[in-house]
Amino acid sequence: MNKFASIVRFNTVLDNIDNHKSISEHCYENNFFDQSHFIKDFKRFTGETPENFKQFL
């Protein structure tokens, strides 16, 4: 169940990703414990850091 919850939460992040919000805002709006946890999960699902990913939006 934990893996499923991570996938659902990450899909929510992708649906709401916005170039005008900071990494901190994305992190806490999506109930991540801290930024390092958010970045680790982001890289696991996309292979990129959030900042690198946002450049392609």
PDB file of N, CA and C in Angstrom:
ATOM      1  N   MET A   1       0.825  -1.206   0.000  1.00  0.00           N
ATOM      2  CA  MET A   1       0.000   0.000   0.000  1.00  0.00           C
ATOM      3  C   MET A   1       0.861   1.259   0.000  1.00  0.00           C
ATOM      4  N   ASN A   2       2.003   1.224   0.644  1.00  0.00           N
ATOM      5  CA  ASN A   2       2.857   2.398   0.724  1.00  0.00           C
ATOM      6  C   ASN A   2       3.327   2.842  -0.657  1.00  0.00           C
ATOM      7  N   LYS A   3       3.675   1.891  -1.517  1.00  0.00           N
ATOM      8  CA  LYS A   3       4.126   2.219  -2.862  1.00  0.00           C
ATOM      9  C   LYS A   3       2.994   2.873  -3.664  1.00  0.00           C
ATOM     10  N   PHE A   4       1.811   2.341  -3.530  1.00  0.00           N
ATOM     11  CA  PHE A   4       0.645   2.910  -4.200  1.00  0.00           C
ATOM     12  C   PHE A   4       0.404   4.345  -3.747  1.00  0.00           C
ATOM     13  N   ALA A   5       0.490   4.587  -2.448  1.00  0.00           N
ATOM     14  CA  ALA A   5       0.288   5.938  -1.909  1.00  0.00           C
ATOM     15  C   ALA A   5       1.337   6.896  -2.460  1.00  0.00           C
ATOM     16  N   SER A   6       2.575   6.432  -2.610  1.00  0.00           N
ATOM     17  CA  SER A   6       3.640   7.269  -3.165  1.00  0.00           C
ATOM     18  C   SER A   6       3.341   7.636  -4.615  1.00  0.00           C
ATOM     19  N   ILE A   7       2.846   6.676  -5.375  1.00  0.00           N
ATOM     20  CA  ILE A   7       2.514   6.925  -6.779  1.00  0.00           C
ATOM     21  C   ILE A   7       1.371   7.930  -6.893  1.00  0.00           C
ATOM     22  N   VAL A   8       0.343   7.751  -6.090  1.00  0.00           N
ATOM     23  CA  VAL A   8      -0.803   8.664  -6.115  1.00  0.00           C
ATOM     24  C   VAL A   8      -0.361  10.069  -5.720  1.00  0.00           C
ATOM     25  N   ARG A   9       0.436  10.174  -4.673  1.00  0.00           N
ATOM     26  CA  ARG A   9       0.909  11.485  -4.214  1.00  0.00           C
ATOM     27  C   ARG A   9       1.767  12.141  -5.288  1.00  0.00           C
ATOM     28  N   PHE A  10       2.633  11.356  -5.941  1.00  0.00           N
ATOM     29  CA  PHE A  10       3.486  11.931  -6.963  1.00  0.00           C
ATOM     30  C   PHE A  10       2.672  12.378  -8.175  1.00  0.00           C
ATOM     31  N   ASN A  11       1.654  11.633  -8.542  1.00  0.00           N
ATOM     32  CA  ASN A  11       0.780  12.058  -9.645  1.00  0.00           C
ATOM     33  C   ASN A  11       0.112  13.388  -9.316  1.00  0.00           C
ATOM     34  N   THR A  12      -0.240  13.595  -8.067  1.00  0.00           N
ATOM     35  CA  THR A  12      -0.815  14.862  -7.633  1.00  0.00           C
ATOM     36  C   THR A  12       0.203  15.985  -7.799  1.00  0.00           C
ATOM     37  N   VAL A  13       1.457  15.706  -7.455  1.00  0.00           N
ATOM     38  CA  VAL A  13       2.524  16.695  -7.644  1.00  0.00           C
ATOM     39  C   VAL A  13       2.607  17.084  -9.115  1.00  0.00           C
ATOM     40  N   LEU A  14       2.638  16.105 -10.009  1.00  0.00           N
ATOM     41  CA  LEU A  14       2.755  16.385 -11.437  1.00  0.00           C
ATOM     42  C   LEU A  14       1.550  17.158 -11.969  1.00  0.00           C
ATOM     43  N   ASP A  15       0.372  16.843 -11.462  1.00  0.00           N
ATOM     44  CA  ASP A  15      -0.829  17.554 -11.897  1.00  0.00           C
ATOM     45  C   ASP A  15      -0.805  19.016 -11.480  1.00  0.00           C
ATOM     46  N   ASN A  16      -0.128  19.307 -10.367  1.00  0.00           N
ATOM     47  CA  ASN A  16      -0.153  20.657  -9.802  1.00  0.00           C
ATOM     48  C   ASN A  16       1.171  21.397  -9.909  1.00  0.00           C
ATOM     49  N   ILE A  17       2.137  20.836 -10.632  1.00  0.00           N
ATOM     50  CA  ILE A  17       3.442  21.479 -10.701  1.00  0.00           C
ATOM     51  C   ILE A  17       3.314  22.822 -11.430  1.00  0.00           C
ATOM     52  N   ASP A  18       3.996  23.807 -10.891  1.00  0.00           N
ATOM     53  CA  ASP A  18       3.870  25.180 -11.364  1.00  0.00           C
ATOM     54  C   ASP A  18       5.238  25.844 -11.275  1.00  0.00           C
ATOM     55  N   ASN A  19       5.670  26.484 -12.339  1.00  0.00           N
ATOM     56  CA  ASN A  19       6.967  27.149 -12.347  1.00  0.00           C
ATOM     57  C   ASN A  19       7.055  28.313 -11.370  1.00  0.00           C
ATOM     58  N   HIS A  20       5.925  28.824 -10.937  1.00  0.00           N
ATOM     59  CA  HIS A  20       5.928  29.992 -10.062  1.00  0.00           C
ATOM     60  C   HIS A  20       6.008  29.625  -8.586  1.00  0.00           C
ATOM     61  N   LYS A  21       5.924  28.352  -8.267  1.00  0.00           N
ATOM     62  CA  LYS A  21       6.013  27.907  -6.874  1.00  0.00           C
ATOM     63  C   LYS A  21       7.409  27.375  -6.592  1.00  0.00           C
ATOM     64  N   SER A  22       7.824  27.520  -5.362  1.00  0.00           N
ATOM     65  CA  SER A  22       9.136  27.013  -4.956  1.00  0.00           C
ATOM     66  C   SER A  22       9.048  25.516  -4.655  1.00  0.00           C
ATOM     67  N   ILE A  23      10.209  24.911  -4.537  1.00  0.00           N
ATOM     68  CA  ILE A  23      10.275  23.501  -4.159  1.00  0.00           C
ATOM     69  C   ILE A  23       9.607  23.310  -2.792  1.00  0.00           C
ATOM     70  N   SER A  24       9.834  24.226  -1.887  1.00  0.00           N
ATOM     71  CA  SER A  24       9.224  24.135  -0.554  1.00  0.00           C
ATOM     72  C   SER A  24       7.709  24.124  -0.630  1.00  0.00           C
ATOM     73  N   GLU A  25       7.151  24.984  -1.462  1.00  0.00           N
ATOM     74  CA  GLU A  25       5.695  25.036  -1.591  1.00  0.00           C
ATOM     75  C   GLU A  25       5.151  23.719  -2.130  1.00  0.00           C
ATOM     76  N   HIS A  26       5.783  23.181  -3.169  1.00  0.00           N
ATOM     77  CA  HIS A  26       5.346  21.892  -3.713  1.00  0.00           C
ATOM     78  C   HIS A  26       5.468  20.794  -2.657  1.00  0.00           C
ATOM     79  N   CYS A  27       6.551  20.816  -1.942  1.00  0.00           N
ATOM     80  CA  CYS A  27       6.824  19.809  -0.922  1.00  0.00           C
ATOM     81  C   CYS A  27       5.712  19.773   0.129  1.00  0.00           C
ATOM     82  N   TYR A  28       5.443  20.902   0.732  1.00  0.00           N
ATOM     83  CA  TYR A  28       4.497  20.934   1.852  1.00  0.00           C
ATOM     84  C   TYR A  28       3.043  20.884   1.405  1.00  0.00           C
ATOM     85  N   GLU A  29       2.741  21.374   0.212  1.00  0.00           N
ATOM     86  CA  GLU A  29       1.371  21.264  -0.299  1.00  0.00           C
ATOM     87  C   GLU A  29       0.987  19.817  -0.583  1.00  0.00           C
ATOM     88  N   ASN A  30       1.995  18.975  -0.817  1.00  0.00           N
ATOM     89  CA  ASN A  30       1.736  17.571  -1.132  1.00  0.00           C
ATOM     90  C   ASN A  30       2.111  16.629   0.001  1.00  0.00           C
ATOM     91  N   ASN A  31       2.208  17.175   1.186  1.00  0.00           N
ATOM     92  CA  ASN A  31       2.381  16.408   2.426  1.00  0.00           C
ATOM     93  C   ASN A  31       3.662  15.590   2.498  1.00  0.00           C
ATOM     94  N   PHE A  32       4.741  16.114   1.946  1.00  0.00           N
ATOM     95  CA  PHE A  32       6.040  15.482   2.138  1.00  0.00           C
ATOM     96  C   PHE A  32       6.608  15.977   3.463  1.00  0.00           C
ATOM     97  N   PHE A  33       7.383  15.129   4.120  1.00  0.00           N
ATOM     98  CA  PHE A  33       7.937  15.467   5.433  1.00  0.00           C
ATOM     99  C   PHE A  33       8.932  16.609   5.335  1.00  0.00           C
ATOM    100  N   ASP A  34       9.784  16.577   4.322  1.00  0.00           N
ATOM    101  CA  ASP A  34      10.763  17.641   4.125  1.00  0.00           C
ATOM    102  C   ASP A  34      11.194  17.677   2.658  1.00  0.00           C
ATOM    103  N   GLN A  35      11.998  18.678   2.314  1.00  0.00           N
ATOM    104  CA  GLN A  35      12.403  18.848   0.923  1.00  0.00           C
ATOM    105  C   GLN A  35      13.260  17.701   0.416  1.00  0.00           C
ATOM    106  N   SER A  36      14.130  17.179   1.270  1.00  0.00           N
ATOM    107  CA  SER A  36      15.000  16.083   0.806  1.00  0.00           C
ATOM    108  C   SER A  36      14.175  14.849   0.455  1.00  0.00           C
ATOM    109  N   HIS A  37      13.125  14.571   1.215  1.00  0.00           N
ATOM    110  CA  HIS A  37      12.231  13.452   0.922  1.00  0.00           C
ATOM    111  C   HIS A  37      11.502  13.704  -0.399  1.00  0.00           C
ATOM    112  N   PHE A  38      11.041  14.927  -0.597  1.00  0.00           N
ATOM    113  CA  PHE A  38      10.356  15.291  -1.833  1.00  0.00           C
ATOM    114  C   PHE A  38      11.284  15.117  -3.037  1.00  0.00           C
ATOM    115  N   ILE A  39      12.507  15.635  -2.945  1.00  0.00           N
ATOM    116  CA  ILE A  39      13.455  15.554  -4.051  1.00  0.00           C
ATOM    117  C   ILE A  39      13.833  14.108  -4.342  1.00  0.00           C
ATOM    118  N   LYS A  40      14.022  13.311  -3.289  1.00  0.00           N
ATOM    119  CA  LYS A  40      14.365  11.893  -3.463  1.00  0.00           C
ATOM    120  C   LYS A  40      13.251  11.160  -4.216  1.00  0.00           C
ATOM    121  N   ASP A  41      12.006  11.360  -3.807  1.00  0.00           N
ATOM    122  CA  ASP A  41      10.879  10.720  -4.495  1.00  0.00           C
ATOM    123  C   ASP A  41      10.745  11.243  -5.926  1.00  0.00           C
ATOM    124  N   PHE A  42      10.935  12.533  -6.107  1.00  0.00           N
ATOM    125  CA  PHE A  42      10.827  13.127  -7.435  1.00  0.00           C
ATOM    126  C   PHE A  42      11.836  12.500  -8.384  1.00  0.00           C
ATOM    127  N   LYS A  43      13.072  12.378  -7.920  1.00  0.00           N
ATOM    128  CA  LYS A  43      14.125  11.778  -8.745  1.00  0.00           C
ATOM    129  C   LYS A  43      13.854  10.302  -9.010  1.00  0.00           C
ATOM    130  N   ARG A  44      13.262   9.615  -8.046  1.00  0.00           N
ATOM    131  CA  ARG A  44      12.951   8.195  -8.225  1.00  0.00           C
ATOM    132  C   ARG A  44      11.921   8.000  -9.335  1.00  0.00           C
ATOM    133  N   PHE A  45      10.946   8.900  -9.422  1.00  0.00           N
ATOM    134  CA  PHE A  45       9.891   8.760 -10.423  1.00  0.00           C
ATOM    135  C   PHE A  45      10.244   9.361 -11.777  1.00  0.00           C
ATOM    136  N   THR A  46      11.067  10.407 -11.803  1.00  0.00           N
ATOM    137  CA  THR A  46      11.339  11.092 -13.074  1.00  0.00           C
ATOM    138  C   THR A  46      12.772  10.967 -13.548  1.00  0.00           C
ATOM    139  N   GLY A  47      13.695  10.678 -12.647  1.00  0.00           N
ATOM    140  CA  GLY A  47      15.109  10.655 -12.999  1.00  0.00           C
ATOM    141  C   GLY A  47      15.728  12.039 -13.019  1.00  0.00           C
ATOM    142  N   GLU A  48      14.960  13.053 -12.674  1.00  0.00           N
ATOM    143  CA  GLU A  48      15.407  14.446 -12.671  1.00  0.00           C
ATOM    144  C   GLU A  48      15.096  15.093 -11.328  1.00  0.00           C
ATOM    145  N   THR A  49      15.821  16.169 -11.028  1.00  0.00           N
ATOM    146  CA  THR A  49      15.463  16.965  -9.858  1.00  0.00           C
ATOM    147  C   THR A  49      14.252  17.820 -10.222  1.00  0.00           C
ATOM    148  N   PRO A  50      13.505  18.285  -9.242  1.00  0.00           N
ATOM    149  CA  PRO A  50      12.348  19.136  -9.551  1.00  0.00           C
ATOM    150  C   PRO A  50      12.725  20.381 -10.357  1.00  0.00           C
ATOM    151  N   GLU A  51      13.851  21.006 -10.022  1.00  0.00           N
ATOM    152  CA  GLU A  51      14.272  22.211 -10.742  1.00  0.00           C
ATOM    153  C   GLU A  51      14.579  21.901 -12.213  1.00  0.00           C
ATOM    154  N   ASN A  52      15.283  20.821 -12.465  1.00  0.00           N
ATOM    155  CA  ASN A  52      15.572  20.442 -13.852  1.00  0.00           C
ATOM    156  C   ASN A  52      14.286  20.114 -14.603  1.00  0.00           C
ATOM    157  N   PHE A  53      13.385  19.418 -13.953  1.00  0.00           N
ATOM    158  CA  PHE A  53      12.122  19.030 -14.567  1.00  0.00           C
ATOM    159  C   PHE A  53      11.287  20.261 -14.937  1.00  0.00           C
ATOM    160  N   LYS A  54      11.240  21.243 -14.051  1.00  0.00           N
ATOM    161  CA  LYS A  54      10.444  22.445 -14.281  1.00  0.00           C
ATOM    162  C   LYS A  54      10.943  23.249 -15.473  1.00  0.00           C
ATOM    163  N   GLN A  55      12.203  23.135 -15.823  1.00  0.00           N
ATOM    164  CA  GLN A  55      12.747  23.869 -16.963  1.00  0.00           C
ATOM    165  C   GLN A  55      12.131  23.418 -18.275  1.00  0.00           C
ATOM    166  N   PHE A  56      11.615  22.193 -18.317  1.00  0.00           N
ATOM    167  CA  PHE A  56      11.035  21.655 -19.541  1.00  0.00           C
ATOM    168  C   PHE A  56       9.531  21.906 -19.648  1.00  0.00           C
ATOM    169  N   LEU A  57       8.957  22.571 -18.670  1.00  0.00           N
ATOM    170  CA  LEU A  57       7.513  22.838 -18.713  1.00  0.00           C
ATOM    171  C   LEU A  57       7.205  24.059 -19.545  1.00  0.00           C
TER     172      LEU A  57
END
